[in-house]
């Protein structure tokens, strides 16, 4: 049985603004086991990054407010830790790769100085020893001339090089959980593949658990052990890769899968699109957040938020269509993809 590292239960996070209160995360629950990769997908503004930053306790409070929930890491509730106590967790137990490496690094400090800061704090290594650890990490992530990179400023590096430096910084203290917040944003497809392959390799080498945040379903198929689909601050579906790709149960998941390009699809055939826009989180809807955009909307969807329905195999769907009293509905034709991998691959495991 896998060792449970992280459990998030009913997490609610809001932001105070001049126009009112933004309900960014509205009851998110998920878990992470040792050595696995959990991928969180969803469109921009659904609360993916806020959830990760809340676990890391990186949000300024105020304007952020944690309204409810627990975040258990090895049995300890992270949300009850003081800022001083969290300093022992960040870098050593948790690390994060941010989506914008340029703005996430200090432009006035050389790469080496930024890297050795956490090494000195968590590994108690100083001077030449700290430099050696940093240079070794830069070499491990595939950077040429790591000794030169150590003395360079972030703005002198390319986007791919900066992202590799971010990964080296994140893994330098061998964290138990690595949060990767859209680490391939703004990179070309070749560099994206290299970065994802690097994260996978480091995960296997160090047995680090990974939470990957993305909106790219191609990334999901390559990286994930399990998937959580988020919409309007809630997890609307979660399960294994096979369950989400071949047995999706939520209309929003159907829409995401239907919008994926298919190599066998005719060039004249249009991709599926989800009509409408996400709800205003200043005033979240009373019922299902996806109801206004859903082709299967019922009266119950407008009146009450659906419960989480599970099948006993780890597949959760938050949708009234899963209720025994609801009419049966299946994913539209063309949503279930053809096998993305040969027998024995990720989606056939």
C-alpha atoms as a PDB file:
ATOM      1  CA  UNK A   1       0.000   0.000   0.000  1.00  0.00           C
ATOM      2  CA  UNK A   2       1.289   3.465  -0.950  1.00  0.00           C
ATOM      3  CA  UNK A   3       2.350   5.890   1.747  1.00  0.00           C
ATOM      4  CA  UNK A   4       0.001   8.870   1.976  1.00  0.00           C
ATOM      5  CA  UNK A   5       2.051  12.076   2.042  1.00  0.00           C
ATOM      6  CA  UNK A   6      -0.434  14.877   1.548  1.00  0.00           C
ATOM      7  CA  UNK A   7      -4.191  15.111   2.110  1.00  0.00           C
ATOM      8  CA  UNK A   8      -6.187  18.247   1.298  1.00  0.00           C
ATOM      9  CA  UNK A   9      -9.747  18.299   2.639  1.00  0.00           C
ATOM     10  CA  UNK A  10     -12.458  20.850   1.801  1.00  0.00           C
ATOM     11  CA  UNK A  11     -10.019  23.728   1.230  1.00  0.00           C
ATOM     12  CA  UNK A  12     -11.666  27.147   0.842  1.00  0.00           C
ATOM     13  CA  UNK A  13      -9.681  30.287   0.014  1.00  0.00           C
ATOM     14  CA  UNK A  14     -10.995  33.794  -0.667  1.00  0.00           C
ATOM     15  CA  UNK A  15      -9.492  37.174  -1.553  1.00  0.00           C
ATOM     16  CA  UNK A  16     -10.722  40.531  -0.304  1.00  0.00           C
ATOM     17  CA  UNK A  17     -11.047  43.138  -3.061  1.00  0.00           C
ATOM     18  CA  UNK A  18     -12.660  46.546  -3.519  1.00  0.00           C
ATOM     19  CA  UNK A  19     -15.548  44.960  -5.426  1.00  0.00           C
ATOM     20  CA  UNK A  20     -16.147  42.291  -2.777  1.00  0.00           C
ATOM     21  CA  UNK A  21     -14.891  38.826  -1.900  1.00  0.00           C
ATOM     22  CA  UNK A  22     -13.458  36.525  -4.562  1.00  0.00           C
ATOM     23  CA  UNK A  23     -14.181  32.872  -3.750  1.00  0.00           C
ATOM     24  CA  UNK A  24     -11.116  31.475  -5.526  1.00  0.00           C
ATOM     25  CA  UNK A  25     -11.085  27.949  -4.026  1.00  0.00           C
ATOM     26  CA  UNK A  26     -14.399  26.464  -2.930  1.00  0.00           C
ATOM     27  CA  UNK A  27     -14.017  23.143  -1.166  1.00  0.00           C
ATOM     28  CA  UNK A  28     -11.155  21.387  -2.962  1.00  0.00           C
ATOM     29  CA  UNK A  29     -10.126  17.913  -1.787  1.00  0.00           C
ATOM     30  CA  UNK A  30      -7.367  15.648  -3.096  1.00  0.00           C
ATOM     31  CA  UNK A  31      -4.504  13.468  -1.871  1.00  0.00           C
ATOM     32  CA  UNK A  32      -0.960  12.613  -2.916  1.00  0.00           C
ATOM     33  CA  UNK A  33       0.923   9.369  -2.291  1.00  0.00           C
ATOM     34  CA  UNK A  34       4.676   8.911  -2.092  1.00  0.00           C
ATOM     35  CA  UNK A  35       6.374   8.671  -5.478  1.00  0.00           C
ATOM     36  CA  UNK A  36       3.325   9.489  -7.591  1.00  0.00           C
ATOM     37  CA  UNK A  37       2.431  12.355  -9.913  1.00  0.00           C
ATOM     38  CA  UNK A  38      -0.906  14.107  -9.480  1.00  0.00           C
ATOM     39  CA  UNK A  39      -1.829  16.417 -12.356  1.00  0.00           C
ATOM     40  CA  UNK A  40      -4.382  19.174 -11.757  1.00  0.00           C
ATOM     41  CA  UNK A  41      -6.021  20.456 -14.946  1.00  0.00           C
ATOM     42  CA  UNK A  42      -8.511  23.186 -15.698  1.00  0.00           C
ATOM     43  CA  UNK A  43      -8.842  26.485 -17.496  1.00  0.00           C
ATOM     44  CA  UNK A  44      -7.271  29.707 -16.253  1.00  0.00           C
ATOM     45  CA  UNK A  45      -8.813  31.122 -13.089  1.00  0.00           C
ATOM     46  CA  UNK A  46     -10.181  27.829 -11.732  1.00  0.00           C
ATOM     47  CA  UNK A  47      -8.055  27.919  -8.570  1.00  0.00           C
ATOM     48  CA  UNK A  48      -5.216  25.538  -9.472  1.00  0.00           C
ATOM     49  CA  UNK A  49      -2.322  27.840  -8.596  1.00  0.00           C
ATOM     50  CA  UNK A  50      -4.077  29.326  -5.554  1.00  0.00           C
ATOM     51  CA  UNK A  51      -4.538  25.831  -4.114  1.00  0.00           C
ATOM     52  CA  UNK A  52      -0.821  25.057  -4.516  1.00  0.00           C
ATOM     53  CA  UNK A  53       0.294  28.391  -3.082  1.00  0.00           C
ATOM     54  CA  UNK A  54      -2.028  27.891  -0.107  1.00  0.00           C
ATOM     55  CA  UNK A  55      -0.393  24.545   0.682  1.00  0.00           C
ATOM     56  CA  UNK A  56       3.020  26.226   0.477  1.00  0.00           C
ATOM     57  CA  UNK A  57       1.654  29.117   2.569  1.00  0.00           C
ATOM     58  CA  UNK A  58       2.911  31.655   0.035  1.00  0.00           C
ATOM     59  CA  UNK A  59      -0.245  33.797  -0.193  1.00  0.00           C
ATOM     60  CA  UNK A  60      -0.133  37.164   1.628  1.00  0.00           C
ATOM     61  CA  UNK A  61      -2.826  37.346   4.309  1.00  0.00           C
ATOM     62  CA  UNK A  62      -4.609  39.694   3.817  1.00  0.00           C
ATOM     63  CA  UNK A  63      -5.871  39.920   1.097  1.00  0.00           C
ATOM     64  CA  UNK A  64      -6.007  36.099   1.056  1.00  0.00           C
ATOM     65  CA  UNK A  65      -8.100  34.291   3.666  1.00  0.00           C
ATOM     66  CA  UNK A  66      -8.221  30.561   4.349  1.00  0.00           C
ATOM     67  CA  UNK A  67     -11.897  30.106   5.176  1.00  0.00           C
ATOM     68  CA  UNK A  68     -11.988  26.379   5.776  1.00  0.00           C
ATOM     69  CA  UNK A  69     -10.208  23.074   5.275  1.00  0.00           C
ATOM     70  CA  UNK A  70      -7.206  21.065   6.384  1.00  0.00           C
ATOM     71  CA  UNK A  71      -3.895  20.308   4.668  1.00  0.00           C
ATOM     72  CA  UNK A  72      -2.308  17.261   6.300  1.00  0.00           C
ATOM     73  CA  UNK A  73       1.335  16.517   5.503  1.00  0.00           C
ATOM     74  CA  UNK A  74       2.597  13.372   7.220  1.00  0.00           C
ATOM     75  CA  UNK A  75      -0.194  13.831   9.776  1.00  0.00           C
ATOM     76  CA  UNK A  76       0.614  17.502  10.506  1.00  0.00           C
ATOM     77  CA  UNK A  77      -1.902  20.244   9.610  1.00  0.00           C
ATOM     78  CA  UNK A  78       0.139  22.722   7.585  1.00  0.00           C
ATOM     79  CA  UNK A  79      -2.509  25.418   7.902  1.00  0.00           C
ATOM     80  CA  UNK A  80      -1.939  25.580  11.665  1.00  0.00           C
ATOM     81  CA  UNK A  81       1.810  26.135  11.369  1.00  0.00           C
ATOM     82  CA  UNK A  82       3.283  29.560  12.086  1.00  0.00           C
ATOM     83  CA  UNK A  83       5.308  31.417   9.461  1.00  0.00           C
ATOM     84  CA  UNK A  84       8.465  30.533  11.360  1.00  0.00           C
ATOM     85  CA  UNK A  85       7.557  26.836  11.396  1.00  0.00           C
ATOM     86  CA  UNK A  86       6.776  26.917   7.656  1.00  0.00           C
ATOM     87  CA  UNK A  87      10.337  28.019   6.929  1.00  0.00           C
ATOM     88  CA  UNK A  88      11.424  24.492   7.871  1.00  0.00           C
ATOM     89  CA  UNK A  89       8.995  23.012   5.340  1.00  0.00           C
ATOM     90  CA  UNK A  90       9.606  25.251   2.317  1.00  0.00           C
ATOM     91  CA  UNK A  91      12.627  24.068   0.392  1.00  0.00           C
ATOM     92  CA  UNK A  92      13.203  20.935   2.470  1.00  0.00           C
ATOM     93  CA  UNK A  93       9.785  19.219   2.432  1.00  0.00           C
ATOM     94  CA  UNK A  94       7.984  21.304  -0.233  1.00  0.00           C
ATOM     95  CA  UNK A  95       9.424  23.011  -3.290  1.00  0.00           C
ATOM     96  CA  UNK A  96       7.770  24.818  -6.186  1.00  0.00           C
ATOM     97  CA  UNK A  97       8.623  25.443  -9.824  1.00  0.00           C
ATOM     98  CA  UNK A  98       6.817  28.636 -10.802  1.00  0.00           C
ATOM     99  CA  UNK A  99       5.395  29.192 -14.278  1.00  0.00           C
ATOM    100  CA  UNK A 100       7.300  32.432 -14.934  1.00  0.00           C
ATOM    101  CA  UNK A 101      10.951  31.828 -14.161  1.00  0.00           C
ATOM    102  CA  UNK A 102      11.962  35.400 -15.010  1.00  0.00           C
ATOM    103  CA  UNK A 103       9.738  37.065 -12.417  1.00  0.00           C
ATOM    104  CA  UNK A 104      10.288  34.277  -9.875  1.00  0.00           C
ATOM    105  CA  UNK A 105      14.031  34.900  -9.650  1.00  0.00           C
ATOM    106  CA  UNK A 106      15.742  37.954  -8.218  1.00  0.00           C
ATOM    107  CA  UNK A 107      17.213  39.876 -11.196  1.00  0.00           C
ATOM    108  CA  UNK A 108      19.829  41.577  -8.977  1.00  0.00           C
ATOM    109  CA  UNK A 109      21.339  38.335  -7.659  1.00  0.00           C
ATOM    110  CA  UNK A 110      23.495  35.818  -9.478  1.00  0.00           C
ATOM    111  CA  UNK A 111      22.091  32.322  -9.995  1.00  0.00           C
ATOM    112  CA  UNK A 112      24.571  30.754  -7.580  1.00  0.00           C
ATOM    113  CA  UNK A 113      23.723  33.056  -4.709  1.00  0.00           C
ATOM    114  CA  UNK A 114      20.004  32.343  -5.106  1.00  0.00           C
ATOM    115  CA  UNK A 115      20.602  28.595  -5.218  1.00  0.00           C
ATOM    116  CA  UNK A 116      22.929  28.400  -2.223  1.00  0.00           C
ATOM    117  CA  UNK A 117      20.507  30.330  -0.014  1.00  0.00           C
ATOM    118  CA  UNK A 118      18.270  27.293   0.549  1.00  0.00           C
ATOM    119  CA  UNK A 119      21.244  24.898   0.539  1.00  0.00           C
ATOM    120  CA  UNK A 120      22.836  26.812   3.420  1.00  0.00           C
ATOM    121  CA  UNK A 121      19.588  26.892   5.367  1.00  0.00           C
ATOM    122  CA  UNK A 122      18.386  23.295   4.950  1.00  0.00           C
ATOM    123  CA  UNK A 123      21.548  21.307   4.314  1.00  0.00           C
ATOM    124  CA  UNK A 124      23.843  23.344   6.575  1.00  0.00           C
ATOM    125  CA  UNK A 125      26.410  23.444   3.770  1.00  0.00           C
ATOM    126  CA  UNK A 126      28.489  26.597   3.344  1.00  0.00           C
ATOM    127  CA  UNK A 127      31.114  28.096   1.074  1.00  0.00           C
ATOM    128  CA  UNK A 128      32.788  25.669  -1.321  1.00  0.00           C
ATOM    129  CA  UNK A 129      30.538  22.787  -0.274  1.00  0.00           C
ATOM    130  CA  UNK A 130      27.346  24.749  -0.994  1.00  0.00           C
ATOM    131  CA  UNK A 131      28.722  25.853  -4.362  1.00  0.00           C
ATOM    132  CA  UNK A 132      29.585  22.252  -5.289  1.00  0.00           C
ATOM    133  CA  UNK A 133      26.037  21.099  -4.480  1.00  0.00           C
ATOM    134  CA  UNK A 134      24.567  23.941  -6.586  1.00  0.00           C
ATOM    135  CA  UNK A 135      26.862  23.298  -9.555  1.00  0.00           C
ATOM    136  CA  UNK A 136      26.105  19.566  -9.410  1.00  0.00           C
ATOM    137  CA  UNK A 137      22.382  20.335  -9.495  1.00  0.00           C
ATOM    138  CA  UNK A 138      22.810  22.657 -12.475  1.00  0.00           C
ATOM    139  CA  UNK A 139      24.658  19.871 -14.269  1.00  0.00           C
ATOM    140  CA  UNK A 140      21.979  17.336 -13.310  1.00  0.00           C
ATOM    141  CA  UNK A 141      19.246  19.380 -15.035  1.00  0.00           C
ATOM    142  CA  UNK A 142      21.272  19.376 -18.254  1.00  0.00           C
ATOM    143  CA  UNK A 143      22.689  22.899 -18.296  1.00  0.00           C
ATOM    144  CA  UNK A 144      25.956  23.260 -20.252  1.00  0.00           C
ATOM    145  CA  UNK A 145      28.866  24.870 -18.417  1.00  0.00           C
ATOM    146  CA  UNK A 146      27.183  24.799 -14.987  1.00  0.00           C
ATOM    147  CA  UNK A 147      30.134  26.551 -13.342  1.00  0.00           C
ATOM    148  CA  UNK A 148      29.586  29.533 -15.646  1.00  0.00           C
ATOM    149  CA  UNK A 149      25.812  29.478 -15.126  1.00  0.00           C
ATOM    150  CA  UNK A 150      26.458  29.655 -11.371  1.00  0.00           C
ATOM    151  CA  UNK A 151      27.921  33.166 -11.764  1.00  0.00           C
ATOM    152  CA  UNK A 152      25.425  34.528 -14.319  1.00  0.00           C
ATOM    153  CA  UNK A 153      22.380  36.731 -13.787  1.00  0.00           C
ATOM    154  CA  UNK A 154      18.898  35.401 -14.697  1.00  0.00           C
ATOM    155  CA  UNK A 155      18.341  37.899 -17.537  1.00  0.00           C
ATOM    156  CA  UNK A 156      21.402  36.564 -19.391  1.00  0.00           C
ATOM    157  CA  UNK A 157      19.832  33.107 -19.714  1.00  0.00           C
ATOM    158  CA  UNK A 158      17.248  31.860 -22.206  1.00  0.00           C
ATOM    159  CA  UNK A 159      13.736  30.871 -21.089  1.00  0.00           C
ATOM    160  CA  UNK A 160      14.599  27.173 -21.158  1.00  0.00           C
ATOM    161  CA  UNK A 161      17.812  27.723 -19.201  1.00  0.00           C
ATOM    162  CA  UNK A 162      16.003  29.776 -16.540  1.00  0.00           C
ATOM    163  CA  UNK A 163      13.373  27.071 -16.182  1.00  0.00           C
ATOM    164  CA  UNK A 164      16.090  24.468 -15.678  1.00  0.00           C
ATOM    165  CA  UNK A 165      17.698  26.701 -13.054  1.00  0.00           C
ATOM    166  CA  UNK A 166      14.300  26.894 -11.306  1.00  0.00           C
ATOM    167  CA  UNK A 167      14.091  23.094 -11.314  1.00  0.00           C
ATOM    168  CA  UNK A 168      17.647  22.833  -9.972  1.00  0.00           C
ATOM    169  CA  UNK A 169      16.777  25.267  -7.165  1.00  0.00           C
ATOM    170  CA  UNK A 170      13.617  23.304  -6.342  1.00  0.00           C
ATOM    171  CA  UNK A 171      15.307  19.896  -6.100  1.00  0.00           C
ATOM    172  CA  UNK A 172      18.568  21.052  -4.504  1.00  0.00           C
ATOM    173  CA  UNK A 173      17.365  20.071  -1.008  1.00  0.00           C
ATOM    174  CA  UNK A 174      15.634  16.865  -2.199  1.00  0.00           C
ATOM    175  CA  UNK A 175      12.047  17.808  -1.219  1.00  0.00           C
ATOM    176  CA  UNK A 176       9.398  15.167  -0.604  1.00  0.00           C
ATOM    177  CA  UNK A 177       6.778  17.062  -2.651  1.00  0.00           C
ATOM    178  CA  UNK A 178       7.496  19.099  -5.769  1.00  0.00           C
ATOM    179  CA  UNK A 179       4.800  21.513  -6.961  1.00  0.00           C
ATOM    180  CA  UNK A 180       5.199  22.389 -10.648  1.00  0.00           C
ATOM    181  CA  UNK A 181       2.917  25.286 -11.582  1.00  0.00           C
ATOM    182  CA  UNK A 182       2.685  25.150 -15.385  1.00  0.00           C
ATOM    183  CA  UNK A 183       6.469  24.765 -15.729  1.00  0.00           C
ATOM    184  CA  UNK A 184       6.349  24.711 -19.539  1.00  0.00           C
ATOM    185  CA  UNK A 185       4.445  27.980 -20.030  1.00  0.00           C
ATOM    186  CA  UNK A 186       5.930  30.210 -22.783  1.00  0.00           C
ATOM    187  CA  UNK A 187       8.399  27.512 -23.896  1.00  0.00           C
ATOM    188  CA  UNK A 188       8.471  26.033 -27.389  1.00  0.00           C
ATOM    189  CA  UNK A 189       7.235  22.464 -27.827  1.00  0.00           C
ATOM    190  CA  UNK A 190      10.744  20.982 -28.029  1.00  0.00           C
ATOM    191  CA  UNK A 191      11.768  22.639 -24.772  1.00  0.00           C
ATOM    192  CA  UNK A 192       8.445  21.622 -23.168  1.00  0.00           C
ATOM    193  CA  UNK A 193       9.172  17.969 -23.918  1.00  0.00           C
ATOM    194  CA  UNK A 194      12.679  18.284 -22.473  1.00  0.00           C
ATOM    195  CA  UNK A 195      11.461  19.927 -19.260  1.00  0.00           C
ATOM    196  CA  UNK A 196       8.743  17.299 -18.729  1.00  0.00           C
ATOM    197  CA  UNK A 197      11.185  14.468 -19.401  1.00  0.00           C
ATOM    198  CA  UNK A 198      13.583  16.042 -16.909  1.00  0.00           C
ATOM    199  CA  UNK A 199      10.917  16.258 -14.187  1.00  0.00           C
ATOM    200  CA  UNK A 200       9.955  12.634 -14.801  1.00  0.00           C
ATOM    201  CA  UNK A 201      13.585  11.504 -14.621  1.00  0.00           C
ATOM    202  CA  UNK A 202      14.261  13.418 -11.394  1.00  0.00           C
ATOM    203  CA  UNK A 203      11.052  12.067  -9.854  1.00  0.00           C
ATOM    204  CA  UNK A 204      12.137   8.481 -10.506  1.00  0.00           C
ATOM    205  CA  UNK A 205      15.675   9.158  -9.311  1.00  0.00           C
ATOM    206  CA  UNK A 206      14.763  10.886  -6.036  1.00  0.00           C
ATOM    207  CA  UNK A 207      11.322   9.298  -5.352  1.00  0.00           C
ATOM    208  CA  UNK A 208       9.879  12.798  -5.105  1.00  0.00           C
ATOM    209  CA  UNK A 209       6.102  13.126  -5.330  1.00  0.00           C
ATOM    210  CA  UNK A 210       4.949  15.667  -7.918  1.00  0.00           C
ATOM    211  CA  UNK A 211       1.863  17.881  -8.164  1.00  0.00           C
ATOM    212  CA  UNK A 212       1.788  19.263 -11.700  1.00  0.00           C
ATOM    213  CA  UNK A 213      -0.562  22.123 -12.558  1.00  0.00           C
ATOM    214  CA  UNK A 214      -1.420  22.521 -16.245  1.00  0.00           C
ATOM    215  CA  UNK A 215      -4.154  23.123 -18.790  1.00  0.00           C
ATOM    216  CA  UNK A 216      -2.475  20.963 -21.439  1.00  0.00           C
ATOM    217  CA  UNK A 217      -4.082  17.521 -21.660  1.00  0.00           C
ATOM    218  CA  UNK A 218      -1.177  16.269 -23.754  1.00  0.00           C
ATOM    219  CA  UNK A 219       1.051  16.893 -20.752  1.00  0.00           C
ATOM    220  CA  UNK A 220      -1.439  15.025 -18.565  1.00  0.00           C
ATOM    221  CA  UNK A 221      -1.272  11.841 -20.627  1.00  0.00           C
ATOM    222  CA  UNK A 222       2.517  11.788 -20.466  1.00  0.00           C
ATOM    223  CA  UNK A 223       3.075  12.698 -16.822  1.00  0.00           C
ATOM    224  CA  UNK A 224       0.168  11.690 -14.603  1.00  0.00           C
ATOM    225  CA  UNK A 225      -0.542   8.761 -12.337  1.00  0.00           C
ATOM    226  CA  UNK A 226      -3.777  10.422 -11.254  1.00  0.00           C
ATOM    227  CA  UNK A 227      -5.709  13.480 -12.469  1.00  0.00           C
ATOM    228  CA  UNK A 228      -7.895  16.057 -10.746  1.00  0.00           C
ATOM    229  CA  UNK A 229     -10.068  18.269 -12.970  1.00  0.00           C
ATOM    230  CA  UNK A 230     -10.880  21.680 -11.492  1.00  0.00           C
ATOM    231  CA  UNK A 231     -13.579  24.146 -12.482  1.00  0.00           C
ATOM    232  CA  UNK A 232     -14.574  27.405 -10.775  1.00  0.00           C
ATOM    233  CA  UNK A 233     -12.631  26.659  -7.600  1.00  0.00           C
ATOM    234  CA  UNK A 234     -13.797  23.051  -7.189  1.00  0.00           C
ATOM    235  CA  UNK A 235     -12.510  19.600  -8.116  1.00  0.00           C
ATOM    236  CA  UNK A 236     -15.288  18.289 -10.375  1.00  0.00           C
ATOM    237  CA  UNK A 237     -13.671  14.957 -11.258  1.00  0.00           C
ATOM    238  CA  UNK A 238     -10.643  12.924 -10.210  1.00  0.00           C
ATOM    239  CA  UNK A 239      -9.261   9.480 -10.888  1.00  0.00           C
ATOM    240  CA  UNK A 240      -6.523   7.555 -12.640  1.00  0.00           C
ATOM    241  CA  UNK A 241      -5.350   8.513 -16.130  1.00  0.00           C
ATOM    242  CA  UNK A 242      -7.355   5.672 -17.667  1.00  0.00           C
ATOM    243  CA  UNK A 243     -10.517   6.619 -15.747  1.00  0.00           C
ATOM    244  CA  UNK A 244     -10.365  10.271 -16.795  1.00  0.00           C
ATOM    245  CA  UNK A 245      -9.479   9.614 -20.446  1.00  0.00           C
ATOM    246  CA  UNK A 246     -11.645   6.547 -21.099  1.00  0.00           C
ATOM    247  CA  UNK A 247     -14.388   6.718 -18.466  1.00  0.00           C
ATOM    248  CA  UNK A 248     -14.998  10.474 -17.936  1.00  0.00           C
ATOM    249  CA  UNK A 249     -18.180  11.271 -16.071  1.00  0.00           C
ATOM    250  CA  UNK A 250     -18.441  15.064 -15.911  1.00  0.00           C
ATOM    251  CA  UNK A 251     -19.639  17.169 -18.887  1.00  0.00           C
ATOM    252  CA  UNK A 252     -16.769  19.608 -18.311  1.00  0.00           C
ATOM    253  CA  UNK A 253     -14.243  16.778 -18.642  1.00  0.00           C
ATOM    254  CA  UNK A 254     -16.037  15.705 -21.806  1.00  0.00           C
ATOM    255  CA  UNK A 255     -15.579  19.219 -23.155  1.00  0.00           C
ATOM    256  CA  UNK A 256     -11.862  19.292 -22.341  1.00  0.00           C
ATOM    257  CA  UNK A 257     -11.290  15.919 -24.001  1.00  0.00           C
ATOM    258  CA  UNK A 258     -13.421  16.863 -27.008  1.00  0.00           C
ATOM    259  CA  UNK A 259     -11.326  19.982 -27.579  1.00  0.00           C
ATOM    260  CA  UNK A 260      -8.110  17.933 -27.909  1.00  0.00           C
ATOM    261  CA  UNK A 261      -6.780  17.780 -31.492  1.00  0.00           C
ATOM    262  CA  UNK A 262      -6.871  14.287 -32.985  1.00  0.00           C
ATOM    263  CA  UNK A 263      -4.244  13.231 -35.530  1.00  0.00           C
ATOM    264  CA  UNK A 264      -6.891  11.173 -37.376  1.00  0.00           C
ATOM    265  CA  UNK A 265      -9.382  14.042 -37.427  1.00  0.00           C
ATOM    266  CA  UNK A 266     -10.177  15.691 -40.755  1.00  0.00           C
ATOM    267  CA  UNK A 267      -8.570  19.106 -41.199  1.00  0.00           C
ATOM    268  CA  UNK A 268     -11.977  20.491 -42.152  1.00  0.00           C
ATOM    269  CA  UNK A 269     -13.613  19.205 -38.971  1.00  0.00           C
ATOM    270  CA  UNK A 270     -13.937  21.794 -36.210  1.00  0.00           C
ATOM    271  CA  UNK A 271     -12.743  21.126 -32.673  1.00  0.00           C
ATOM    272  CA  UNK A 272     -15.362  20.898 -29.976  1.00  0.00           C
ATOM    273  CA  UNK A 273     -15.788  24.093 -27.967  1.00  0.00           C
ATOM    274  CA  UNK A 274     -17.410  24.690 -24.578  1.00  0.00           C
ATOM    275  CA  UNK A 275     -19.875  27.526 -25.006  1.00  0.00           C
ATOM    276  CA  UNK A 276     -20.147  30.418 -22.561  1.00  0.00           C
ATOM    277  CA  UNK A 277     -17.736  31.633 -19.890  1.00  0.00           C
ATOM    278  CA  UNK A 278     -16.828  30.527 -16.354  1.00  0.00           C
ATOM    279  CA  UNK A 279     -18.960  31.961 -13.530  1.00  0.00           C
ATOM    280  CA  UNK A 280     -18.084  35.138 -11.659  1.00  0.00           C
ATOM    281  CA  UNK A 281     -16.388  34.031  -8.441  1.00  0.00           C
ATOM    282  CA  UNK A 282     -17.370  37.296  -6.763  1.00  0.00           C
ATOM    283  CA  UNK A 283     -20.835  35.717  -6.636  1.00  0.00           C
ATOM    284  CA  UNK A 284     -20.589  31.947  -7.274  1.00  0.00           C
ATOM    285  CA  UNK A 285     -23.788  30.247  -8.454  1.00  0.00           C
ATOM    286  CA  UNK A 286     -25.973  28.473  -5.903  1.00  0.00           C
ATOM    287  CA  UNK A 287     -26.054  25.228  -7.837  1.00  0.00           C
ATOM    288  CA  UNK A 288     -23.497  23.545 -10.082  1.00  0.00           C
ATOM    289  CA  UNK A 289     -20.920  26.055 -11.329  1.00  0.00           C
ATOM    290  CA  UNK A 290     -20.919  24.456 -14.786  1.00  0.00           C
ATOM    291  CA  UNK A 291     -24.716  24.440 -15.186  1.00  0.00           C
ATOM    292  CA  UNK A 292     -24.938  27.562 -17.396  1.00  0.00           C
ATOM    293  CA  UNK A 293     -22.545  25.987 -19.945  1.00  0.00           C
ATOM    294  CA  UNK A 294     -23.779  22.393 -19.710  1.00  0.00           C
ATOM    295  CA  UNK A 295     -25.855  20.696 -22.407  1.00  0.00           C
ATOM    296  CA  UNK A 296     -27.231  18.296 -19.777  1.00  0.00           C
ATOM    297  CA  UNK A 297     -28.375  20.893 -17.232  1.00  0.00           C
ATOM    298  CA  UNK A 298     -31.375  19.891 -15.083  1.00  0.00           C
ATOM    299  CA  UNK A 299     -33.435  21.818 -12.527  1.00  0.00           C
ATOM    300  CA  UNK A 300     -31.448  20.303  -9.655  1.00  0.00           C
ATOM    301  CA  UNK A 301     -28.232  21.648 -11.196  1.00  0.00           C
ATOM    302  CA  UNK A 302     -29.479  25.231 -10.794  1.00  0.00           C
ATOM    303  CA  UNK A 303     -30.686  24.808  -7.218  1.00  0.00           C
ATOM    304  CA  UNK A 304     -28.055  22.792  -5.392  1.00  0.00           C
ATOM    305  CA  UNK A 305     -24.361  22.046  -5.776  1.00  0.00           C
ATOM    306  CA  UNK A 306     -23.943  18.320  -6.495  1.00  0.00           C
ATOM    307  CA  UNK A 307     -22.242  15.996  -4.048  1.00  0.00           C
ATOM    308  CA  UNK A 308     -19.119  13.979  -4.843  1.00  0.00           C
ATOM    309  CA  UNK A 309     -20.072  10.599  -6.303  1.00  0.00           C
ATOM    310  CA  UNK A 310     -17.449   7.831  -6.145  1.00  0.00           C
ATOM    311  CA  UNK A 311     -17.429   4.362  -7.710  1.00  0.00           C
ATOM    312  CA  UNK A 312     -15.330   2.640  -5.047  1.00  0.00           C
ATOM    313  CA  UNK A 313     -12.296   2.511  -7.360  1.00  0.00           C
ATOM    314  CA  UNK A 314     -11.019   6.002  -6.677  1.00  0.00           C
ATOM    315  CA  UNK A 315     -13.008   7.696  -9.456  1.00  0.00           C
ATOM    316  CA  UNK A 316     -14.870  10.782  -8.179  1.00  0.00           C
ATOM    317  CA  UNK A 317     -17.372  12.874 -10.159  1.00  0.00           C
ATOM    318  CA  UNK A 318     -19.178  15.947  -8.809  1.00  0.00           C
ATOM    319  CA  UNK A 319     -22.255  15.945 -11.078  1.00  0.00           C
ATOM    320  CA  UNK A 320     -26.000  15.312 -10.725  1.00  0.00           C
ATOM    321  CA  UNK A 321     -25.840  12.985 -13.743  1.00  0.00           C
ATOM    322  CA  UNK A 322     -24.198  10.453 -11.427  1.00  0.00           C
ATOM    323  CA  UNK A 323     -27.241  10.411  -9.138  1.00  0.00           C
ATOM    324  CA  UNK A 324     -29.339   7.249  -9.396  1.00  0.00           C
ATOM    325  CA  UNK A 325     -32.458   9.363  -9.980  1.00  0.00           C
ATOM    326  CA  UNK A 326     -30.978  11.244 -12.951  1.00  0.00           C
ATOM    327  CA  UNK A 327     -31.382  10.248 -16.596  1.00  0.00           C
ATOM    328  CA  UNK A 328     -28.396   8.393 -17.966  1.00  0.00           C
ATOM    329  CA  UNK A 329     -25.989  10.349 -20.173  1.00  0.00           C
ATOM    330  CA  UNK A 330     -22.810   9.269 -21.898  1.00  0.00           C
ATOM    331  CA  UNK A 331     -19.872  11.187 -23.288  1.00  0.00           C
ATOM    332  CA  UNK A 332     -20.601  12.548 -26.783  1.00  0.00           C
ATOM    333  CA  UNK A 333     -19.171  10.707 -29.764  1.00  0.00           C
ATOM    334  CA  UNK A 334     -15.553  11.613 -30.416  1.00  0.00           C
ATOM    335  CA  UNK A 335     -14.755  12.571 -26.816  1.00  0.00           C
ATOM    336  CA  UNK A 336     -13.197   9.267 -25.769  1.00  0.00           C
ATOM    337  CA  UNK A 337      -9.760   9.351 -27.421  1.00  0.00           C
ATOM    338  CA  UNK A 338      -8.096   6.605 -29.359  1.00  0.00           C
ATOM    339  CA  UNK A 339      -5.336   4.852 -27.339  1.00  0.00           C
ATOM    340  CA  UNK A 340      -2.540   7.396 -26.940  1.00  0.00           C
ATOM    341  CA  UNK A 341       0.075   4.797 -26.073  1.00  0.00           C
ATOM    342  CA  UNK A 342       0.822   1.230 -27.169  1.00  0.00           C
ATOM    343  CA  UNK A 343      -0.119  -1.681 -24.976  1.00  0.00           C
ATOM    344  CA  UNK A 344       1.607  -1.309 -21.630  1.00  0.00           C
ATOM    345  CA  UNK A 345       1.883   2.494 -21.933  1.00  0.00           C
ATOM    346  CA  UNK A 346       0.594   5.059 -19.480  1.00  0.00           C
ATOM    347  CA  UNK A 347      -3.048   4.872 -20.511  1.00  0.00           C
ATOM    348  CA  UNK A 348      -3.079   1.091 -20.667  1.00  0.00           C
ATOM    349  CA  UNK A 349      -1.421   0.468 -17.312  1.00  0.00           C
END
